[in-house]
Amino acid sequence: TYDNPDAEYVGWLMDDDFYLPEKTSRMVEAYRTHPEVSLVT
């Protein structure tokens, strides 16, 4: 049910996993350069 009204993207970090520092910025850039994309992984 989580809803941040200011968010354009949603990324979940499960409690025992971890992101590399550039994950979110690189994925946002993929969306911005490929508008046909609905999911980034």
PDB file of all heavy atoms in Angstrom:
ATOM      1  N   THR A   1       0.789  -1.230   0.000  1.00  0.00           N
ATOM      2  CA  THR A   1       0.000   0.000   0.000  1.00  0.00           C
ATOM      3  C   THR A   1       0.824   1.284   0.000  1.00  0.00           C
ATOM      4  O   THR A   1       0.253   2.367  -0.045  1.00  0.00           O
ATOM      5  CB  THR A   1      -0.929   0.027   1.228  1.00  0.00           C
ATOM      6  OG1 THR A   1      -0.129  -0.009   2.414  1.00  0.00           O
ATOM      7  CG2 THR A   1      -1.903  -1.132   1.209  1.00  0.00           C
ATOM      8  N   TYR A   2       2.134   1.196   0.031  1.00  0.00           N
ATOM      9  CA  TYR A   2       2.975   2.387   0.115  1.00  0.00           C
ATOM     10  C   TYR A   2       2.758   3.292  -1.091  1.00  0.00           C
ATOM     11  O   TYR A   2       2.692   2.831  -2.222  1.00  0.00           O
ATOM     12  CB  TYR A   2       4.449   1.987   0.188  1.00  0.00           C
ATOM     13  CG  TYR A   2       5.373   3.175   0.279  1.00  0.00           C
ATOM     14  CD1 TYR A   2       5.503   3.873   1.476  1.00  0.00           C
ATOM     15  CD2 TYR A   2       6.084   3.614  -0.822  1.00  0.00           C
ATOM     16  CE1 TYR A   2       6.337   4.972   1.565  1.00  0.00           C
ATOM     17  CE2 TYR A   2       6.922   4.708  -0.738  1.00  0.00           C
ATOM     18  CZ  TYR A   2       7.045   5.381   0.455  1.00  0.00           C
ATOM     19  OH  TYR A   2       7.862   6.470   0.546  1.00  0.00           O
ATOM     20  N   ASP A   3       2.650   4.600  -0.843  1.00  0.00           N
ATOM     21  CA  ASP A   3       2.454   5.543  -1.933  1.00  0.00           C
ATOM     22  C   ASP A   3       3.098   6.887  -1.581  1.00  0.00           C
ATOM     23  O   ASP A   3       2.565   7.644  -0.783  1.00  0.00           O
ATOM     24  CB  ASP A   3       0.966   5.741  -2.201  1.00  0.00           C
ATOM     25  CG  ASP A   3       0.710   6.687  -3.368  1.00  0.00           C
ATOM     26  OD1 ASP A   3       1.646   6.942  -4.153  1.00  0.00           O
ATOM     27  OD2 ASP A   3      -0.415   7.176  -3.488  1.00  0.00           O
ATOM     28  N   ASN A   4       4.237   7.173  -2.184  1.00  0.00           N
ATOM     29  CA  ASN A   4       4.866   8.483  -2.043  1.00  0.00           C
ATOM     30  C   ASN A   4       4.332   9.337  -3.193  1.00  0.00           C
ATOM     31  O   ASN A   4       4.630   9.065  -4.357  1.00  0.00           O
ATOM     32  CB  ASN A   4       6.383   8.343  -2.131  1.00  0.00           C
ATOM     33  CG  ASN A   4       7.098   9.670  -2.093  1.00  0.00           C
ATOM     34  OD1 ASN A   4       6.500  10.726  -2.289  1.00  0.00           O
ATOM     35  ND2 ASN A   4       8.392   9.628  -1.864  1.00  0.00           N
ATOM     36  N   PRO A   5       3.570  10.386  -2.913  1.00  0.00           N
ATOM     37  CA  PRO A   5       2.957  11.165  -3.997  1.00  0.00           C
ATOM     38  C   PRO A   5       3.966  11.865  -4.901  1.00  0.00           C
ATOM     39  O   PRO A   5       3.628  12.236  -6.019  1.00  0.00           O
ATOM     40  CB  PRO A   5       2.073  12.179  -3.256  1.00  0.00           C
ATOM     41  CG  PRO A   5       2.589  12.211  -1.869  1.00  0.00           C
ATOM     42  CD  PRO A   5       3.232  10.884  -1.592  1.00  0.00           C
ATOM     43  N   ASP A   6       5.183  12.046  -4.449  1.00  0.00           N
ATOM     44  CA  ASP A   6       6.200  12.727  -5.250  1.00  0.00           C
ATOM     45  C   ASP A   6       7.048  11.788  -6.097  1.00  0.00           C
ATOM     46  O   ASP A   6       7.859  12.238  -6.896  1.00  0.00           O
ATOM     47  CB  ASP A   6       7.117  13.544  -4.341  1.00  0.00           C
ATOM     48  CG  ASP A   6       6.355  14.619  -3.580  1.00  0.00           C
ATOM     49  OD1 ASP A   6       5.410  15.205  -4.166  1.00  0.00           O
ATOM     50  OD2 ASP A   6       6.672  14.847  -2.407  1.00  0.00           O
ATOM     51  N   ALA A   7       6.883  10.491  -5.913  1.00  0.00           N
ATOM     52  CA  ALA A   7       7.744   9.519  -6.601  1.00  0.00           C
ATOM     53  C   ALA A   7       7.299   9.285  -8.038  1.00  0.00           C
ATOM     54  O   ALA A   7       6.109   9.186  -8.329  1.00  0.00           O
ATOM     55  CB  ALA A   7       7.754   8.196  -5.848  1.00  0.00           C
ATOM     56  N   GLU A   8       8.253   9.195  -8.930  1.00  0.00           N
ATOM     57  CA  GLU A   8       7.986   8.832 -10.318  1.00  0.00           C
ATOM     58  C   GLU A   8       8.280   7.348 -10.539  1.00  0.00           C
ATOM     59  O   GLU A   8       7.685   6.707 -11.394  1.00  0.00           O
ATOM     60  CB  GLU A   8       8.876   9.677 -11.239  1.00  0.00           C
ATOM     61  CG  GLU A   8       8.555   9.539 -12.689  1.00  0.00           C
ATOM     62  CD  GLU A   8       9.358  10.508 -13.549  1.00  0.00           C
ATOM     63  OE1 GLU A   8       9.990  11.445 -13.011  1.00  0.00           O
ATOM     64  OE2 GLU A   8       9.361  10.317 -14.771  1.00  0.00           O
ATOM     65  N   TYR A   9       9.201   6.827  -9.751  1.00  0.00           N
ATOM     66  CA  TYR A   9       9.619   5.428  -9.846  1.00  0.00           C
ATOM     67  C   TYR A   9       9.559   4.794  -8.464  1.00  0.00           C
ATOM     68  O   TYR A   9       9.640   5.486  -7.449  1.00  0.00           O
ATOM     69  CB  TYR A   9      11.049   5.328 -10.389  1.00  0.00           C
ATOM     70  CG  TYR A   9      11.216   6.034 -11.704  1.00  0.00           C
ATOM     71  CD1 TYR A   9      11.770   7.307 -11.768  1.00  0.00           C
ATOM     72  CD2 TYR A   9      10.785   5.439 -12.884  1.00  0.00           C
ATOM     73  CE1 TYR A   9      11.902   7.968 -12.970  1.00  0.00           C
ATOM     74  CE2 TYR A   9      10.907   6.097 -14.095  1.00  0.00           C
ATOM     75  CZ  TYR A   9      11.465   7.358 -14.136  1.00  0.00           C
ATOM     76  OH  TYR A   9      11.579   8.013 -15.327  1.00  0.00           O
ATOM     77  N   VAL A  10       9.433   3.470  -8.453  1.00  0.00           N
ATOM     78  CA  VAL A  10       9.418   2.723  -7.202  1.00  0.00           C
ATOM     79  C   VAL A  10      10.467   1.626  -7.303  1.00  0.00           C
ATOM     80  O   VAL A  10      10.507   0.870  -8.275  1.00  0.00           O
ATOM     81  CB  VAL A  10       8.029   2.088  -6.943  1.00  0.00           C
ATOM     82  CG1 VAL A  10       8.055   1.213  -5.702  1.00  0.00           C
ATOM     83  CG2 VAL A  10       6.969   3.162  -6.835  1.00  0.00           C
ATOM     84  N   GLY A  11      11.306   1.561  -6.307  1.00  0.00           N
ATOM     85  CA  GLY A  11      12.288   0.489  -6.204  1.00  0.00           C
ATOM     86  C   GLY A  11      12.249  -0.069  -4.803  1.00  0.00           C
ATOM     87  O   GLY A  11      12.257   0.683  -3.830  1.00  0.00           O
ATOM     88  N   TRP A  12      12.148  -1.355  -4.684  1.00  0.00           N
ATOM     89  CA  TRP A  12      12.094  -1.994  -3.374  1.00  0.00           C
ATOM     90  C   TRP A  12      13.447  -2.595  -3.045  1.00  0.00           C
ATOM     91  O   TRP A  12      14.061  -3.244  -3.886  1.00  0.00           O
ATOM     92  CB  TRP A  12      11.018  -3.071  -3.347  1.00  0.00           C
ATOM     93  CG  TRP A  12       9.666  -2.477  -3.461  1.00  0.00           C
ATOM     94  CD1 TRP A  12       8.847  -2.509  -4.546  1.00  0.00           C
ATOM     95  CD2 TRP A  12       8.993  -1.704  -2.478  1.00  0.00           C
ATOM     96  NE1 TRP A  12       7.700  -1.809  -4.295  1.00  0.00           N
ATOM     97  CE2 TRP A  12       7.768  -1.307  -3.029  1.00  0.00           C
ATOM     98  CE3 TRP A  12       9.299  -1.307  -1.181  1.00  0.00           C
ATOM     99  CZ2 TRP A  12       6.850  -0.536  -2.330  1.00  0.00           C
ATOM    100  CZ3 TRP A  12       8.376  -0.542  -0.475  1.00  0.00           C
ATOM    101  CH2 TRP A  12       7.174  -0.169  -1.053  1.00  0.00           C
ATOM    102  N   LEU A  13      13.883  -2.375  -1.844  1.00  0.00           N
ATOM    103  CA  LEU A  13      15.097  -3.009  -1.343  1.00  0.00           C
ATOM    104  C   LEU A  13      14.676  -3.901  -0.199  1.00  0.00           C
ATOM    105  O   LEU A  13      14.338  -3.428   0.887  1.00  0.00           O
ATOM    106  CB  LEU A  13      16.114  -1.964  -0.871  1.00  0.00           C
ATOM    107  CG  LEU A  13      17.413  -2.532  -0.300  1.00  0.00           C
ATOM    108  CD1 LEU A  13      18.131  -3.403  -1.337  1.00  0.00           C
ATOM    109  CD2 LEU A  13      18.318  -1.402   0.167  1.00  0.00           C
ATOM    110  N   MET A  14      14.620  -5.193  -0.467  1.00  0.00           N
ATOM    111  CA  MET A  14      14.213  -6.137   0.567  1.00  0.00           C
ATOM    112  C   MET A  14      15.245  -6.146   1.687  1.00  0.00           C
ATOM    113  O   MET A  14      16.413  -5.795   1.483  1.00  0.00           O
ATOM    114  CB  MET A  14      14.009  -7.529  -0.030  1.00  0.00           C
ATOM    115  CG  MET A  14      12.946  -7.564  -1.103  1.00  0.00           C
ATOM    116  SD  MET A  14      11.409  -6.800  -0.534  1.00  0.00           S
ATOM    117  CE  MET A  14      10.347  -7.064  -1.891  1.00  0.00           C
ATOM    118  N   ASP A  15      14.816  -6.558   2.838  1.00  0.00           N
ATOM    119  CA  ASP A  15      15.574  -6.361   4.069  1.00  0.00           C
ATOM    120  C   ASP A  15      16.975  -6.950   4.098  1.00  0.00           C
ATOM    121  O   ASP A  15      17.821  -6.450   4.821  1.00  0.00           O
ATOM    122  CB  ASP A  15      14.786  -6.871   5.275  1.00  0.00           C
ATOM    123  CG  ASP A  15      14.478  -8.358   5.207  1.00  0.00           C
ATOM    124  OD1 ASP A  15      14.575  -8.957   4.121  1.00  0.00           O
ATOM    125  OD2 ASP A  15      14.122  -8.911   6.259  1.00  0.00           O
ATOM    126  N   ASP A  16      17.250  -7.964   3.312  1.00  0.00           N
ATOM    127  CA  ASP A  16      18.584  -8.562   3.383  1.00  0.00           C
ATOM    128  C   ASP A  16      19.366  -8.473   2.072  1.00  0.00           C
ATOM    129  O   ASP A  16      20.435  -9.036   1.938  1.00  0.00           O
ATOM    130  CB  ASP A  16      18.505 -10.019   3.856  1.00  0.00           C
ATOM    131  CG  ASP A  16      17.628 -10.894   2.971  1.00  0.00           C
ATOM    132  OD1 ASP A  16      16.992 -10.365   2.035  1.00  0.00           O
ATOM    133  OD2 ASP A  16      17.571 -12.103   3.222  1.00  0.00           O
ATOM    134  N   ASP A  17      18.860  -7.738   1.095  1.00  0.00           N
ATOM    135  CA  ASP A  17      19.553  -7.523  -0.179  1.00  0.00           C
ATOM    136  C   ASP A  17      20.258  -6.170  -0.126  1.00  0.00           C
ATOM    137  O   ASP A  17      20.052  -5.386   0.790  1.00  0.00           O
ATOM    138  CB  ASP A  17      18.557  -7.537  -1.339  1.00  0.00           C
ATOM    139  CG  ASP A  17      17.776  -8.841  -1.415  1.00  0.00           C
ATOM    140  OD1 ASP A  17      18.267  -9.868  -0.911  1.00  0.00           O
ATOM    141  OD2 ASP A  17      16.658  -8.830  -1.960  1.00  0.00           O
ATOM    142  N   PHE A  18      21.083  -5.871  -1.138  1.00  0.00           N
ATOM    143  CA  PHE A  18      21.680  -4.534  -1.185  1.00  0.00           C
ATOM    144  C   PHE A  18      21.951  -4.105  -2.610  1.00  0.00           C
ATOM    145  O   PHE A  18      22.171  -4.915  -3.497  1.00  0.00           O
ATOM    146  CB  PHE A  18      22.924  -4.397  -0.291  1.00  0.00           C
ATOM    147  CG  PHE A  18      23.979  -5.452  -0.441  1.00  0.00           C
ATOM    148  CD1 PHE A  18      25.099  -5.229  -1.210  1.00  0.00           C
ATOM    149  CD2 PHE A  18      23.864  -6.667   0.226  1.00  0.00           C
ATOM    150  CE1 PHE A  18      26.086  -6.186  -1.333  1.00  0.00           C
ATOM    151  CE2 PHE A  18      24.853  -7.636   0.111  1.00  0.00           C
ATOM    152  CZ  PHE A  18      25.958  -7.395  -0.670  1.00  0.00           C
ATOM    153  N   TYR A  19      21.840  -2.776  -2.805  1.00  0.00           N
ATOM    154  CA  TYR A  19      22.078  -2.137  -4.102  1.00  0.00           C
ATOM    155  C   TYR A  19      23.536  -1.742  -4.220  1.00  0.00           C
ATOM    156  O   TYR A  19      24.148  -1.340  -3.240  1.00  0.00           O
ATOM    157  CB  TYR A  19      21.304  -0.828  -4.209  1.00  0.00           C
ATOM    158  CG  TYR A  19      19.809  -0.872  -4.310  1.00  0.00           C
ATOM    159  CD1 TYR A  19      19.093   0.321  -4.255  1.00  0.00           C
ATOM    160  CD2 TYR A  19      19.096  -2.045  -4.479  1.00  0.00           C
ATOM    161  CE1 TYR A  19      17.713   0.342  -4.361  1.00  0.00           C
ATOM    162  CE2 TYR A  19      17.721  -2.028  -4.583  1.00  0.00           C
ATOM    163  CZ  TYR A  19      17.033  -0.834  -4.523  1.00  0.00           C
ATOM    164  OH  TYR A  19      15.677  -0.795  -4.627  1.00  0.00           O
ATOM    165  N   LEU A  20      24.040  -1.723  -5.447  1.00  0.00           N
ATOM    166  CA  LEU A  20      25.291  -1.035  -5.715  1.00  0.00           C
ATOM    167  C   LEU A  20      24.958   0.460  -5.773  1.00  0.00           C
ATOM    168  O   LEU A  20      23.831   0.843  -6.113  1.00  0.00           O
ATOM    169  CB  LEU A  20      25.906  -1.521  -7.021  1.00  0.00           C
ATOM    170  CG  LEU A  20      26.413  -2.971  -6.971  1.00  0.00           C
ATOM    171  CD1 LEU A  20      26.919  -3.406  -8.326  1.00  0.00           C
ATOM    172  CD2 LEU A  20      27.486  -3.134  -5.919  1.00  0.00           C
ATOM    173  N   PRO A  21      25.900   1.338  -5.426  1.00  0.00           N
ATOM    174  CA  PRO A  21      25.587   2.780  -5.294  1.00  0.00           C
ATOM    175  C   PRO A  21      24.953   3.413  -6.524  1.00  0.00           C
ATOM    176  O   PRO A  21      24.115   4.306  -6.403  1.00  0.00           O
ATOM    177  CB  PRO A  21      26.946   3.408  -4.989  1.00  0.00           C
ATOM    178  CG  PRO A  21      27.753   2.315  -4.401  1.00  0.00           C
ATOM    179  CD  PRO A  21      27.274   1.035  -5.055  1.00  0.00           C
ATOM    180  N   GLU A  22      25.291   2.966  -7.716  1.00  0.00           N
ATOM    181  CA  GLU A  22      24.787   3.606  -8.937  1.00  0.00           C
ATOM    182  C   GLU A  22      23.492   2.990  -9.475  1.00  0.00           C
ATOM    183  O   GLU A  22      22.973   3.425 -10.506  1.00  0.00           O
ATOM    184  CB  GLU A  22      25.866   3.578 -10.021  1.00  0.00           C
ATOM    185  CG  GLU A  22      26.211   2.202 -10.536  1.00  0.00           C
ATOM    186  CD  GLU A  22      27.244   1.421  -9.708  1.00  0.00           C
ATOM    187  OE1 GLU A  22      27.634   1.870  -8.606  1.00  0.00           O
ATOM    188  OE2 GLU A  22      27.654   0.344 -10.162  1.00  0.00           O
ATOM    189  N   LYS A  23      22.941   1.997  -8.812  1.00  0.00           N
ATOM    190  CA  LYS A  23      21.766   1.284  -9.326  1.00  0.00           C
ATOM    191  C   LYS A  23      20.619   2.226  -9.695  1.00  0.00           C
ATOM    192  O   LYS A  23      20.145   2.232 -10.830  1.00  0.00           O
ATOM    193  CB  LYS A  23      21.262   0.253  -8.318  1.00  0.00           C
ATOM    194  CG  LYS A  23      19.975  -0.436  -8.780  1.00  0.00           C
ATOM    195  CD  LYS A  23      19.308  -1.165  -7.626  1.00  0.00           C
ATOM    196  CE  LYS A  23      18.142  -1.997  -8.069  1.00  0.00           C
ATOM    197  NZ  LYS A  23      16.936  -1.279  -8.338  1.00  0.00           N
ATOM    198  N   THR A  24      20.148   3.001  -8.751  1.00  0.00           N
ATOM    199  CA  THR A  24      18.962   3.817  -8.985  1.00  0.00           C
ATOM    200  C   THR A  24      19.198   4.863 -10.073  1.00  0.00           C
ATOM    201  O   THR A  24      18.370   5.012 -10.984  1.00  0.00           O
ATOM    202  CB  THR A  24      18.497   4.483  -7.679  1.00  0.00           C
ATOM    203  OG1 THR A  24      18.262   3.448  -6.714  1.00  0.00           O
ATOM    204  CG2 THR A  24      17.233   5.284  -7.886  1.00  0.00           C
ATOM    205  N   SER A  25      20.305   5.573 -10.027  1.00  0.00           N
ATOM    206  CA  SER A  25      20.552   6.612 -11.039  1.00  0.00           C
ATOM    207  C   SER A  25      20.675   6.007 -12.436  1.00  0.00           C
ATOM    208  O   SER A  25      20.174   6.579 -13.407  1.00  0.00           O
ATOM    209  CB  SER A  25      21.792   7.435 -10.688  1.00  0.00           C
ATOM    210  OG  SER A  25      22.944   6.632 -10.675  1.00  0.00           O
ATOM    211  N   ARG A  26      21.310   4.861 -12.555  1.00  0.00           N
ATOM    212  CA  ARG A  26      21.448   4.226 -13.880  1.00  0.00           C
ATOM    213  C   ARG A  26      20.094   3.758 -14.404  1.00  0.00           C
ATOM    214  O   ARG A  26      19.798   3.869 -15.598  1.00  0.00           O
ATOM    215  CB  ARG A  26      22.422   3.044 -13.806  1.00  0.00           C
ATOM    216  CG  ARG A  26      23.792   3.474 -13.331  1.00  0.00           C
ATOM    217  CD  ARG A  26      25.002   3.148 -14.108  1.00  0.00           C
ATOM    218  NE  ARG A  26      24.944   2.510 -15.358  1.00  0.00           N
ATOM    219  CZ  ARG A  26      25.455   1.294 -15.617  1.00  0.00           C
ATOM    220  NH1 ARG A  26      26.059   0.612 -14.665  1.00  0.00           N
ATOM    221  NH2 ARG A  26      25.398   0.791 -16.823  1.00  0.00           N
ATOM    222  N   MET A  27      19.269   3.228 -13.508  1.00  0.00           N
ATOM    223  CA  MET A  27      17.955   2.743 -13.940  1.00  0.00           C
ATOM    224  C   MET A  27      17.027   3.904 -14.320  1.00  0.00           C
ATOM    225  O   MET A  27      16.288   3.800 -15.299  1.00  0.00           O
ATOM    226  CB  MET A  27      17.344   1.840 -12.880  1.00  0.00           C
ATOM    227  CG  MET A  27      18.055   0.505 -12.794  1.00  0.00           C
ATOM    228  SD  MET A  27      17.205  -0.636 -11.680  1.00  0.00           S
ATOM    229  CE  MET A  27      18.065  -2.168 -12.103  1.00  0.00           C
ATOM    230  N   VAL A  28      17.070   4.991 -13.580  1.00  0.00           N
ATOM    231  CA  VAL A  28      16.277   6.170 -13.945  1.00  0.00           C
ATOM    232  C   VAL A  28      16.719   6.675 -15.317  1.00  0.00           C
ATOM    233  O   VAL A  28      15.887   7.013 -16.174  1.00  0.00           O
ATOM    234  CB  VAL A  28      16.397   7.272 -12.867  1.00  0.00           C
ATOM    235  CG1 VAL A  28      15.862   8.606 -13.380  1.00  0.00           C
ATOM    236  CG2 VAL A  28      15.668   6.851 -11.596  1.00  0.00           C
ATOM    237  N   GLU A  29      18.012   6.713 -15.561  1.00  0.00           N
ATOM    238  CA  GLU A  29      18.522   7.148 -16.870  1.00  0.00           C
ATOM    239  C   GLU A  29      18.024   6.229 -17.986  1.00  0.00           C
ATOM    240  O   GLU A  29      17.698   6.694 -19.089  1.00  0.00           O
ATOM    241  CB  GLU A  29      20.052   7.203 -16.851  1.00  0.00           C
ATOM    242  CG  GLU A  29      20.662   7.715 -18.142  1.00  0.00           C
ATOM    243  CD  GLU A  29      20.244   9.142 -18.487  1.00  0.00           C
ATOM    244  OE1 GLU A  29      19.901   9.925 -17.582  1.00  0.00           O
ATOM    245  OE2 GLU A  29      20.264   9.473 -19.691  1.00  0.00           O
ATOM    246  N   ALA A  30      17.933   4.924 -17.729  1.00  0.00           N
ATOM    247  CA  ALA A  30      17.410   3.987 -18.736  1.00  0.00           C
ATOM    248  C   ALA A  30      15.967   4.344 -19.084  1.00  0.00           C
ATOM    249  O   ALA A  30      15.587   4.332 -20.263  1.00  0.00           O
ATOM    250  CB  ALA A  30      17.513   2.552 -18.234  1.00  0.00           C
ATOM    251  N   TYR A  31      15.163   4.660 -18.083  1.00  0.00           N
ATOM    252  CA  TYR A  31      13.786   5.089 -18.362  1.00  0.00           C
ATOM    253  C   TYR A  31      13.760   6.374 -19.179  1.00  0.00           C
ATOM    254  O   TYR A  31      12.972   6.520 -20.108  1.00  0.00           O
ATOM    255  CB  TYR A  31      13.022   5.331 -17.059  1.00  0.00           C
ATOM    256  CG  TYR A  31      12.380   4.101 -16.479  1.00  0.00           C
ATOM    257  CD1 TYR A  31      12.703   3.666 -15.196  1.00  0.00           C
ATOM    258  CD2 TYR A  31      11.422   3.378 -17.194  1.00  0.00           C
ATOM    259  CE1 TYR A  31      12.094   2.550 -14.647  1.00  0.00           C
ATOM    260  CE2 TYR A  31      10.823   2.264 -16.660  1.00  0.00           C
ATOM    261  CZ  TYR A  31      11.154   1.848 -15.388  1.00  0.00           C
ATOM    262  OH  TYR A  31      10.552   0.741 -14.851  1.00  0.00           O
ATOM    263  N   ARG A  32      14.599   7.289 -18.844  1.00  0.00           N
ATOM    264  CA  ARG A  32      14.576   8.599 -19.523  1.00  0.00           C
ATOM    265  C   ARG A  32      15.038   8.505 -20.971  1.00  0.00           C
ATOM    266  O   ARG A  32      14.592   9.272 -21.817  1.00  0.00           O
ATOM    267  CB  ARG A  32      15.412   9.595 -18.733  1.00  0.00           C
ATOM    268  CG  ARG A  32      14.723   9.877 -17.398  1.00  0.00           C
ATOM    269  CD  ARG A  32      15.158  11.127 -16.737  1.00  0.00           C
ATOM    270  NE  ARG A  32      14.263  11.378 -15.607  1.00  0.00           N
ATOM    271  CZ  ARG A  32      14.671  11.726 -14.414  1.00  0.00           C
ATOM    272  NH1 ARG A  32      15.948  11.909 -14.176  1.00  0.00           N
ATOM    273  NH2 ARG A  32      13.796  11.927 -13.457  1.00  0.00           N
ATOM    274  N   THR A  33      15.936   7.582 -21.263  1.00  0.00           N
ATOM    275  CA  THR A  33      16.432   7.450 -22.636  1.00  0.00           C
ATOM    276  C   THR A  33      15.637   6.434 -23.462  1.00  0.00           C
ATOM    277  O   THR A  33      15.818   6.381 -24.678  1.00  0.00           O
ATOM    278  CB  THR A  33      17.921   7.060 -22.653  1.00  0.00           C
ATOM    279  OG1 THR A  33      18.112   5.862 -21.920  1.00  0.00           O
ATOM    280  CG2 THR A  33      18.779   8.162 -22.055  1.00  0.00           C
ATOM    281  N   HIS A  34      14.763   5.666 -22.808  1.00  0.00           N
ATOM    282  CA  HIS A  34      13.955   4.654 -23.512  1.00  0.00           C
ATOM    283  C   HIS A  34      12.507   4.743 -23.028  1.00  0.00           C
ATOM    284  O   HIS A  34      12.068   3.938 -22.196  1.00  0.00           O
ATOM    285  CB  HIS A  34      14.519   3.246 -23.256  1.00  0.00           C
ATOM    286  CG  HIS A  34      15.902   3.064 -23.749  1.00  0.00           C
ATOM    287  ND1 HIS A  34      16.192   2.811 -25.073  1.00  0.00           N
ATOM    288  CD2 HIS A  34      17.093   3.124 -23.107  1.00  0.00           C
ATOM    289  CE1 HIS A  34      17.502   2.709 -25.218  1.00  0.00           C
ATOM    290  NE2 HIS A  34      18.064   2.901 -24.042  1.00  0.00           N
ATOM    291  N   PRO A  35      11.726   5.685 -23.553  1.00  0.00           N
ATOM    292  CA  PRO A  35      10.358   5.887 -23.065  1.00  0.00           C
ATOM    293  C   PRO A  35       9.435   4.688 -23.285  1.00  0.00           C
ATOM    294  O   PRO A  35       8.387   4.597 -22.646  1.00  0.00           O
ATOM    295  CB  PRO A  35       9.868   7.115 -23.825  1.00  0.00           C
ATOM    296  CG  PRO A  35      10.800   7.277 -24.971  1.00  0.00           C
ATOM    297  CD  PRO A  35      12.098   6.640 -24.590  1.00  0.00           C
ATOM    298  N   GLU A  36       9.812   3.766 -24.153  1.00  0.00           N
ATOM    299  CA  GLU A  36       8.994   2.581 -24.415  1.00  0.00           C
ATOM    300  C   GLU A  36       9.120   1.520 -23.319  1.00  0.00           C
ATOM    301  O   GLU A  36       8.389   0.531 -23.279  1.00  0.00           O
ATOM    302  CB  GLU A  36       9.371   1.963 -25.773  1.00  0.00           C
ATOM    303  CG  GLU A  36      10.705   1.221 -25.800  1.00  0.00           C
ATOM    304  CD  GLU A  36      11.962   2.100 -25.920  1.00  0.00           C
ATOM    305  OE1 GLU A  36      11.884   3.343 -25.774  1.00  0.00           O
ATOM    306  OE2 GLU A  36      13.032   1.521 -26.152  1.00  0.00           O
ATOM    307  N   VAL A  37      10.031   1.728 -22.401  1.00  0.00           N
ATOM    308  CA  VAL A  37      10.320   0.755 -21.351  1.00  0.00           C
ATOM    309  C   VAL A  37       9.329   0.899 -20.192  1.00  0.00           C
ATOM    310  O   VAL A  37       9.061   2.016 -19.731  1.00  0.00           O
ATOM    311  CB  VAL A  37      11.783   0.923 -20.860  1.00  0.00           C
ATOM    312  CG1 VAL A  37      12.028   0.193 -19.558  1.00  0.00           C
ATOM    313  CG2 VAL A  37      12.743   0.435 -21.936  1.00  0.00           C
ATOM    314  N   SER A  38       8.794  -0.231 -19.743  1.00  0.00           N
ATOM    315  CA  SER A  38       7.878  -0.236 -18.602  1.00  0.00           C
ATOM    316  C   SER A  38       8.518  -0.839 -17.349  1.00  0.00           C
ATOM    317  O   SER A  38       7.962  -0.708 -16.264  1.00  0.00           O
ATOM    318  CB  SER A  38       6.607  -1.007 -18.944  1.00  0.00           C
ATOM    319  OG  SER A  38       6.909  -2.352 -19.226  1.00  0.00           O
ATOM    320  N   LEU A  39       9.663  -1.497 -17.513  1.00  0.00           N
ATOM    321  CA  LEU A  39      10.322  -2.151 -16.380  1.00  0.00           C
ATOM    322  C   LEU A  39      11.820  -2.188 -16.641  1.00  0.00           C
ATOM    323  O   LEU A  39      12.254  -2.471 -17.754  1.00  0.00           O
ATOM    324  CB  LEU A  39       9.783  -3.579 -16.231  1.00  0.00           C
ATOM    325  CG  LEU A  39      10.198  -4.393 -15.024  1.00  0.00           C
ATOM    326  CD1 LEU A  39       9.773  -3.731 -13.723  1.00  0.00           C
ATOM    327  CD2 LEU A  39       9.593  -5.788 -15.102  1.00  0.00           C
ATOM    328  N   VAL A  40      12.605  -1.886 -15.594  1.00  0.00           N
ATOM    329  CA  VAL A  40      14.067  -1.925 -15.704  1.00  0.00           C
ATOM    330  C   VAL A  40      14.588  -2.911 -14.664  1.00  0.00           C
ATOM    331  O   VAL A  40      14.138  -2.929 -13.517  1.00  0.00           O
ATOM    332  CB  VAL A  40      14.699  -0.531 -15.471  1.00  0.00           C
ATOM    333  CG1 VAL A  40      16.217  -0.612 -15.513  1.00  0.00           C
ATOM    334  CG2 VAL A  40      14.194   0.462 -16.503  1.00  0.00           C
ATOM    335  N   THR A  41      15.537  -3.731 -15.087  1.00  0.00           N
ATOM    336  CA  THR A  41      16.153  -4.705 -14.187  1.00  0.00           C
ATOM    337  C   THR A  41      17.617  -4.858 -14.557  1.00  0.00           C
ATOM    338  O   THR A  41      18.111  -4.215 -15.479  1.00  0.00           O
ATOM    339  CB  THR A  41      15.414  -6.056 -14.245  1.00  0.00           C
ATOM    340  OG1 THR A  41      15.835  -6.876 -13.145  1.00  0.00           O
ATOM    341  CG2 THR A  41      15.670  -6.783 -15.560  1.00  0.00           C
TER     342      THR A  41
END
